[in-house]
Amino acid sequence: MQAQLIALDWGTTSLRAYRLGDHGQVLEQRTLSAGIMQLPTTPRLIAGVMCSEGFELAFDEACGDWLDAQPGTPVIACGMVGSAQGWREAVYRETPADVASLSATLQTVRSVRGVDVHIVPGVLQRSALPNVMRGEETQVLGILASLPAGPSEQSLLIGLPGSHSKWVQVADGRIVHFDTFMTGEVYAALSTHTILARTMRSRETFDADAFDRGVKVALSDDGAAGPLSTIFSCRALGLTGELSPDAQPDYLSGLLIGHELVALAVLQRQRQGPNTELPPIILIGNAQLCARYSRALAACGFPQVTLAQQATERGLWQLAVQANLLKPTLAEV
C-alpha cells in the first residue's frame, strides 16, 4: 500500500517515524535514539550533498528511504523538534486549542532533500503559573478524533503519565486546561541522587503491595502534609525493617503517584465544585506506567479509567488533513 503521509514524533531523547496509509493506517514504523538532544554527528551524503547538520542526518535516517521510494510524500512532525532548541521553533498556541488552530499555524522547514517538514506548535496556558506542552497536544487531538461527539466530552480528563505528567481537560473538542506534575523526573532524581537511593535495591518484577502501600500513605492523614513530609518514610521504613530494600522503589513510586492524584482530585473539585463527581479518565503512554496509574486512580476514587493507543499517529493524521497536506481524495478520516 502506498503511504499518504510520513508522521514524526520527535522528542528530546527519541524519534518515532510512521508511514501512514489511507485513513491514517500505520503501514510501517521505526524508533531511533535520535531525539533533539542526541542527534547524529557523522557527516554523510544526503541527496548528493555532504551534510553534517544533526537534524538533517536524523531526518534522513528516520525516513530518507521512504522518501526515496515515494517522492513527494508530505511530512508532519510534533514534539520538541518545534522547541527553541529544535529544528525550527513553532510558536506556542494559547488555550483553548484545537485541530483547526494548531493546523493553521504549522511551522515549515525545508530539508536538504527539498522536502518540507511541517512542525506542529505546542500549547501555552497563560495564568499566574503558566504551563506549556509539546507533543502531548497531538496525542490529545488523536484521542478526541476517536471519540463520538457529545456531552461526555465536557467532563473528560486525559492523562499522559511520564517524566512530566500532563492532565488535560477537554471540552467541545478543544484543549481548555492542563496541569503538569514532574512526578517521573522527581522519582528518578530521588531514587538515584539522594540518600533514599542508599537503601534501595532494584528488582525486575512489580511489587504491587509496596506500591499500594505508598498510594495509601499519600491518601492518609499523614499524607495530607504533602510529599516533602512523606518521602523520607521510604528510608525510615527500611531502617526499621518494615520495608525491604527491593520494595522501596515501588513504595516510592506509589507514594509519588498517589500524591499526584490526590492533588489532581483537589484541583478538579476546586474548578468544578466540591460535590462534583471525579471525571472519567483516558490514559495515554507506556503500558506499564499506565497500569500503575490505573491502579492508583482506582484507589483514589476515580470511577472510570480507559487506555488509548496510537494517539500520536491519529493526531498527526488529523492535523495533516486539516492543513490540507493530503490529496483531497485521501483526506478522509
Protein backbone atom coordinates (compact mmCIF):
# COMPACT_ATOMS: atom_id res chain seq x y z
CA MET A 1 0.00 0.00 0.00
CA GLN A 2 1.21 3.48 -0.85
CA ALA A 3 1.93 5.88 2.03
CA GLN A 4 -0.10 9.08 2.15
CA LEU A 5 1.83 10.75 5.00
CA ILE A 6 5.07 10.45 6.93
CA ALA A 7 4.47 11.37 10.58
CA LEU A 8 7.25 12.07 13.07
CA ASP A 9 7.02 12.13 16.85
CA TRP A 10 10.31 13.85 17.61
CA GLY A 11 11.11 14.31 21.28
CA THR A 12 14.10 15.03 23.47
CA THR A 13 15.56 11.52 23.54
CA SER A 14 13.85 9.61 20.73
CA LEU A 15 12.42 9.94 17.23
CA ARG A 16 9.48 7.79 16.16
CA ALA A 17 8.63 7.69 12.47
CA TYR A 18 5.45 6.35 10.89
CA ARG A 19 4.36 5.64 7.31
CA LEU A 20 0.62 6.21 7.24
CA GLY A 21 -1.66 4.92 4.53
CA ASP A 22 -5.33 5.55 3.75
CA HIS A 23 -7.31 6.90 6.72
CA GLY A 24 -4.13 7.07 8.81
CA GLN A 25 -3.45 3.33 8.86
CA VAL A 26 0.07 2.60 10.14
CA LEU A 27 1.95 0.79 7.37
CA GLU A 28 5.39 0.87 8.96
CA GLN A 29 7.05 2.43 11.97
CA ARG A 30 10.51 2.73 13.46
CA THR A 31 12.11 4.23 16.56
CA LEU A 32 15.51 5.90 16.70
CA SER A 33 17.50 7.20 19.67
CA ALA A 34 17.90 10.48 17.78
CA GLY A 35 15.97 12.95 19.89
CA ILE A 36 16.86 16.62 19.65
CA MET A 37 19.47 16.23 22.40
CA GLN A 38 21.02 13.11 20.86
CA LEU A 39 21.38 13.97 17.18
CA PRO A 40 23.80 12.13 14.86
CA THR A 41 27.15 13.81 14.22
CA THR A 42 28.82 11.75 11.49
CA PRO A 43 28.64 13.59 8.11
CA ARG A 44 27.30 11.72 5.08
CA LEU A 45 25.84 12.28 1.66
CA ILE A 46 22.17 13.21 1.56
CA ALA A 47 20.56 13.79 -1.83
CA GLY A 48 24.03 14.23 -3.33
CA VAL A 49 25.12 16.80 -0.73
CA MET A 50 27.66 16.14 2.04
CA CYS A 51 25.75 17.04 5.19
CA SER A 52 26.82 17.35 8.83
CA GLU A 53 23.73 19.04 10.33
CA GLY A 54 22.26 16.88 13.09
CA PHE A 55 18.57 17.38 12.30
CA GLU A 56 19.14 16.62 8.62
CA LEU A 57 21.07 13.46 9.48
CA ALA A 58 18.38 12.24 11.87
CA PHE A 59 15.58 13.06 9.42
CA ASP A 60 17.33 11.16 6.63
CA GLU A 61 17.95 8.18 8.90
CA ALA A 62 14.32 8.13 10.02
CA CYS A 63 12.60 8.33 6.67
CA GLY A 64 15.05 9.01 3.83
CA ASP A 65 14.43 5.59 2.26
CA TRP A 66 10.67 6.12 2.46
CA LEU A 67 11.02 9.43 0.63
CA ASP A 68 13.28 7.83 -1.97
CA ALA A 69 10.64 5.17 -2.60
CA GLN A 70 7.79 7.67 -2.69
CA PRO A 71 8.96 11.19 -3.56
CA GLY A 72 6.51 13.93 -2.68
CA THR A 73 5.01 12.23 0.36
CA PRO A 74 4.06 15.01 2.82
CA VAL A 75 5.80 15.08 6.21
CA ILE A 76 4.45 16.34 9.53
CA ALA A 77 6.22 16.35 12.91
CA CYS A 78 5.33 17.08 16.52
CA GLY A 79 7.24 17.31 19.79
CA MET A 80 10.42 19.03 20.89
CA VAL A 81 11.56 19.33 17.27
CA GLY A 82 9.46 22.52 17.33
CA SER A 83 11.01 23.93 20.51
CA ALA A 84 13.54 26.75 20.71
CA GLN A 85 16.23 24.02 20.73
CA GLY A 86 14.60 22.17 17.84
CA TRP A 87 14.97 22.20 14.08
CA ARG A 88 12.65 25.19 13.70
CA GLU A 89 10.70 26.85 16.51
CA ALA A 90 6.93 26.54 16.23
CA VAL A 91 5.49 29.22 18.49
CA TYR A 92 3.03 28.05 21.12
CA ARG A 93 -0.69 28.40 20.54
CA GLU A 94 -2.66 29.52 23.57
CA THR A 95 -5.53 27.63 25.14
CA PRO A 96 -8.19 26.89 24.13
CA ALA A 97 -6.55 24.96 21.29
CA ASP A 98 -7.97 22.53 18.74
CA VAL A 99 -7.14 20.86 15.44
CA ALA A 100 -8.08 23.96 13.44
CA SER A 101 -5.95 26.42 15.43
CA LEU A 102 -2.91 24.15 15.56
CA SER A 103 -3.04 23.07 11.92
CA ALA A 104 -3.34 26.71 10.83
CA THR A 105 -0.01 27.59 12.45
CA LEU A 106 2.27 24.75 11.37
CA GLN A 107 5.89 25.88 11.04
CA THR A 108 7.71 24.67 7.93
CA VAL A 109 11.38 23.84 7.48
CA ARG A 110 12.82 22.86 4.10
CA SER A 111 15.18 19.89 4.37
CA VAL A 112 18.28 19.41 2.25
CA ARG A 113 16.26 16.87 0.30
CA GLY A 114 13.94 19.67 -0.74
CA VAL A 115 11.12 18.19 1.37
CA ASP A 116 9.05 20.47 3.60
CA VAL A 117 8.67 19.26 7.17
CA HIS A 118 5.54 20.74 8.78
CA ILE A 119 6.02 21.16 12.55
CA VAL A 120 3.11 21.27 15.00
CA PRO A 121 3.20 24.07 17.59
CA GLY A 122 2.91 23.31 21.29
CA VAL A 123 0.25 24.76 23.58
CA LEU A 124 0.64 27.56 26.13
CA GLN A 125 -1.69 28.14 29.05
CA ARG A 126 -1.43 31.65 30.43
CA SER A 127 -2.17 32.07 34.15
CA ALA A 128 -0.41 33.12 37.34
CA LEU A 129 1.66 29.96 36.88
CA PRO A 130 1.91 29.43 33.10
CA ASN A 131 2.01 25.92 31.67
CA VAL A 132 3.26 24.51 28.36
CA MET A 133 3.33 21.26 26.43
CA ARG A 134 4.81 20.00 23.18
CA GLY A 135 3.80 16.70 21.66
CA GLU A 136 1.09 15.91 24.19
CA GLU A 137 -1.35 18.20 22.38
CA THR A 138 -1.09 15.98 19.31
CA GLN A 139 -1.82 12.87 21.37
CA VAL A 140 -4.85 14.58 22.90
CA LEU A 141 -6.17 15.52 19.45
CA GLY A 142 -5.73 11.93 18.35
CA ILE A 143 -7.87 10.76 21.26
CA LEU A 144 -10.54 13.37 20.59
CA ALA A 145 -10.73 12.28 16.96
CA SER A 146 -11.65 8.77 18.06
CA LEU A 147 -14.46 9.84 20.41
CA PRO A 148 -18.09 10.35 19.44
CA ALA A 149 -19.14 13.99 19.71
CA GLY A 150 -21.45 14.66 22.62
CA PRO A 151 -21.84 15.89 26.17
CA SER A 152 -19.44 13.26 27.52
CA GLU A 153 -16.51 15.34 26.30
CA GLN A 154 -17.47 18.12 28.71
CA SER A 155 -16.07 16.28 31.72
CA LEU A 156 -13.32 14.26 30.08
CA LEU A 157 -9.81 14.27 31.53
CA ILE A 158 -6.91 12.89 29.51
CA GLY A 159 -3.81 11.78 31.40
CA LEU A 160 -0.33 11.43 29.93
CA PRO A 161 1.92 9.89 32.61
CA GLY A 162 5.66 10.35 32.24
CA SER A 163 8.61 12.41 33.40
CA HIS A 164 6.32 15.44 33.30
CA SER A 165 2.81 14.03 33.63
CA LYS A 166 0.10 16.07 31.93
CA TRP A 167 -3.60 16.10 32.84
CA VAL A 168 -5.61 17.72 30.08
CA GLN A 169 -9.19 18.93 30.41
CA VAL A 170 -11.08 18.92 27.12
CA ALA A 171 -14.44 20.39 26.14
CA ASP A 172 -16.13 20.58 22.74
CA GLY A 173 -13.09 19.07 21.03
CA ARG A 174 -10.71 21.68 22.47
CA ILE A 175 -7.88 21.66 24.99
CA VAL A 176 -9.15 24.10 27.60
CA HIS A 177 -6.88 23.48 30.59
CA PHE A 178 -3.99 21.29 31.70
CA ASP A 179 -1.81 20.62 34.75
CA THR A 180 1.76 19.32 34.86
CA PHE A 181 3.28 17.13 37.59
CA MET A 182 7.02 16.38 37.48
CA THR A 183 6.42 13.02 39.15
CA GLY A 184 8.58 10.88 36.88
CA GLU A 185 11.57 13.19 36.97
CA VAL A 186 11.30 13.63 40.73
CA TYR A 187 11.17 9.85 41.16
CA ALA A 188 14.28 9.42 39.01
CA ALA A 189 16.15 12.09 40.97
CA LEU A 190 15.13 10.76 44.39
CA SER A 191 15.89 7.13 43.56
CA THR A 192 19.35 7.83 42.12
CA HIS A 193 20.74 11.05 43.58
CA THR A 194 19.51 11.27 47.18
CA ILE A 195 20.03 9.37 50.41
CA LEU A 196 16.94 7.30 49.59
CA ALA A 197 18.98 5.53 46.94
CA ARG A 198 21.42 4.22 49.59
CA THR A 199 18.95 1.66 50.90
CA MET A 200 17.10 0.85 47.67
CA ARG A 201 17.62 -2.24 45.54
CA SER A 202 16.04 -2.54 42.11
CA ARG A 203 14.01 -5.59 41.11
CA GLU A 204 12.65 -6.83 37.80
CA THR A 205 9.12 -7.58 38.98
CA PHE A 206 6.50 -5.10 40.17
CA ASP A 207 5.87 -5.15 43.94
CA ALA A 208 2.15 -4.39 44.00
CA ASP A 209 1.91 -4.49 47.79
CA ALA A 210 4.70 -1.93 48.21
CA PHE A 211 3.20 0.30 45.53
CA ASP A 212 -0.26 0.13 47.10
CA ARG A 213 1.26 0.95 50.48
CA GLY A 214 2.80 4.10 49.04
CA VAL A 215 -0.50 5.17 47.49
CA LYS A 216 -2.27 4.51 50.80
CA VAL A 217 0.18 6.75 52.66
CA ALA A 218 -0.45 9.58 50.17
CA LEU A 219 -4.19 9.20 50.84
CA SER A 220 -3.80 9.08 54.63
CA ASP A 221 -3.90 11.85 57.24
CA ASP A 222 -0.10 11.73 57.34
CA GLY A 223 -0.04 12.20 53.58
CA ALA A 224 -2.03 15.41 53.88
CA ALA A 225 1.22 17.13 54.83
CA GLY A 226 2.45 16.57 51.26
CA PRO A 227 5.28 14.67 49.59
CA LEU A 228 8.08 16.65 51.21
CA SER A 229 6.80 15.31 54.52
CA THR A 230 6.34 11.68 53.47
CA ILE A 231 9.16 10.75 51.09
CA PHE A 232 11.68 10.23 53.91
CA SER A 233 9.44 7.40 55.12
CA CYS A 234 10.92 5.35 52.28
CA ARG A 235 14.26 5.33 54.12
CA ALA A 236 12.86 5.26 57.64
CA LEU A 237 10.64 2.23 56.94
CA GLY A 238 13.71 0.49 55.58
CA LEU A 239 15.84 1.31 58.60
CA THR A 240 13.16 -0.03 60.95
CA GLY A 241 12.89 -3.26 58.98
CA GLU A 242 9.32 -2.58 57.76
CA LEU A 243 10.20 -2.16 54.08
CA SER A 244 12.77 -4.31 52.33
CA PRO A 245 15.36 -2.70 50.03
CA ASP A 246 13.79 -4.20 46.89
CA ALA A 247 10.31 -3.00 47.94
CA GLN A 248 11.40 0.59 48.41
CA PRO A 249 11.44 1.66 44.71
CA ASP A 250 7.81 0.63 44.18
CA TYR A 251 6.79 2.12 47.53
CA LEU A 252 8.30 5.45 46.47
CA SER A 253 6.60 5.17 43.07
CA GLY A 254 3.22 4.60 44.70
CA LEU A 255 3.81 7.41 47.17
CA LEU A 256 4.63 9.99 44.49
CA ILE A 257 1.90 8.90 42.08
CA GLY A 258 -0.54 8.88 44.98
CA HIS A 259 0.38 12.45 45.92
CA GLU A 260 -0.03 13.49 42.27
CA LEU A 261 -3.52 12.02 42.05
CA VAL A 262 -4.62 13.42 45.41
CA ALA A 263 -3.61 16.86 44.16
CA LEU A 264 -5.36 16.22 40.85
CA ALA A 265 -8.60 15.37 42.64
CA VAL A 266 -8.31 18.55 44.73
CA LEU A 267 -7.78 20.68 41.61
CA GLN A 268 -10.74 19.06 39.86
CA ARG A 269 -13.07 19.81 42.75
CA GLN A 270 -11.76 23.35 43.09
CA ARG A 271 -12.62 24.02 39.46
CA GLN A 272 -15.82 22.00 39.14
CA GLY A 273 -17.28 22.30 42.65
CA PRO A 274 -16.69 20.36 45.90
CA ASN A 275 -19.53 17.91 45.28
CA THR A 276 -18.71 17.24 41.65
CA GLU A 277 -18.00 13.63 40.72
CA LEU A 278 -14.49 12.93 39.52
CA PRO A 279 -14.39 12.69 35.70
CA PRO A 280 -13.66 9.63 33.59
CA ILE A 281 -10.00 9.28 32.64
CA ILE A 282 -8.33 8.28 29.39
CA LEU A 283 -4.65 7.39 29.79
CA ILE A 284 -2.04 7.61 27.04
CA GLY A 285 1.52 6.35 27.35
CA ASN A 286 3.80 3.47 28.33
CA ALA A 287 1.69 0.41 29.15
CA GLN A 288 3.47 -0.46 32.39
CA LEU A 289 3.34 3.09 33.67
CA CYS A 290 -0.33 3.42 32.71
CA ALA A 291 -1.02 0.20 34.62
CA ARG A 292 0.45 1.80 37.75
CA TYR A 293 -1.64 4.91 37.26
CA SER A 294 -4.78 2.88 36.64
CA ARG A 295 -4.22 1.05 39.91
CA ALA A 296 -3.62 4.27 41.82
CA LEU A 297 -6.55 6.10 40.17
CA ALA A 298 -8.92 3.38 41.33
CA ALA A 299 -7.59 3.71 44.89
CA CYS A 300 -8.06 7.49 44.71
CA GLY A 301 -11.72 7.21 43.73
CA PHE A 302 -11.66 7.96 40.01
CA PRO A 303 -14.59 5.93 38.69
CA GLN A 304 -13.61 5.09 35.13
CA VAL A 305 -10.19 4.64 33.52
CA THR A 306 -9.56 3.53 29.93
CA LEU A 307 -6.35 3.21 27.92
CA ALA A 308 -5.79 4.64 24.45
CA GLN A 309 -3.36 3.57 21.75
CA GLN A 310 -1.89 5.13 18.59
CA ALA A 311 -2.91 8.60 19.76
CA THR A 312 0.11 10.35 18.25
CA GLU A 313 -0.38 8.83 14.81
CA ARG A 314 -4.07 9.68 14.78
CA GLY A 315 -3.39 13.24 15.96
CA LEU A 316 -0.77 13.87 13.29
CA TRP A 317 -3.10 12.46 10.63
CA GLN A 318 -5.92 14.76 11.78
CA LEU A 319 -3.64 17.80 11.70
CA ALA A 320 -2.36 16.92 8.24
CA VAL A 321 -5.92 16.53 6.95
CA GLN A 322 -6.99 19.86 8.45
CA ALA A 323 -3.92 21.58 6.99
CA ASN A 324 -4.69 20.18 3.51
CA LEU A 325 -1.36 18.38 3.28
CA LEU A 326 -3.02 15.31 1.77
CA LYS A 327 -4.65 14.81 -1.61
CA PRO A 328 -8.37 15.59 -1.31
CA THR A 329 -9.47 12.06 -2.19
CA LEU A 330 -7.23 10.64 0.52
CA ALA A 331 -8.08 13.02 3.31
CA GLU A 332 -10.99 11.01 4.68
CA VAL A 333 -10.94 10.32 8.42
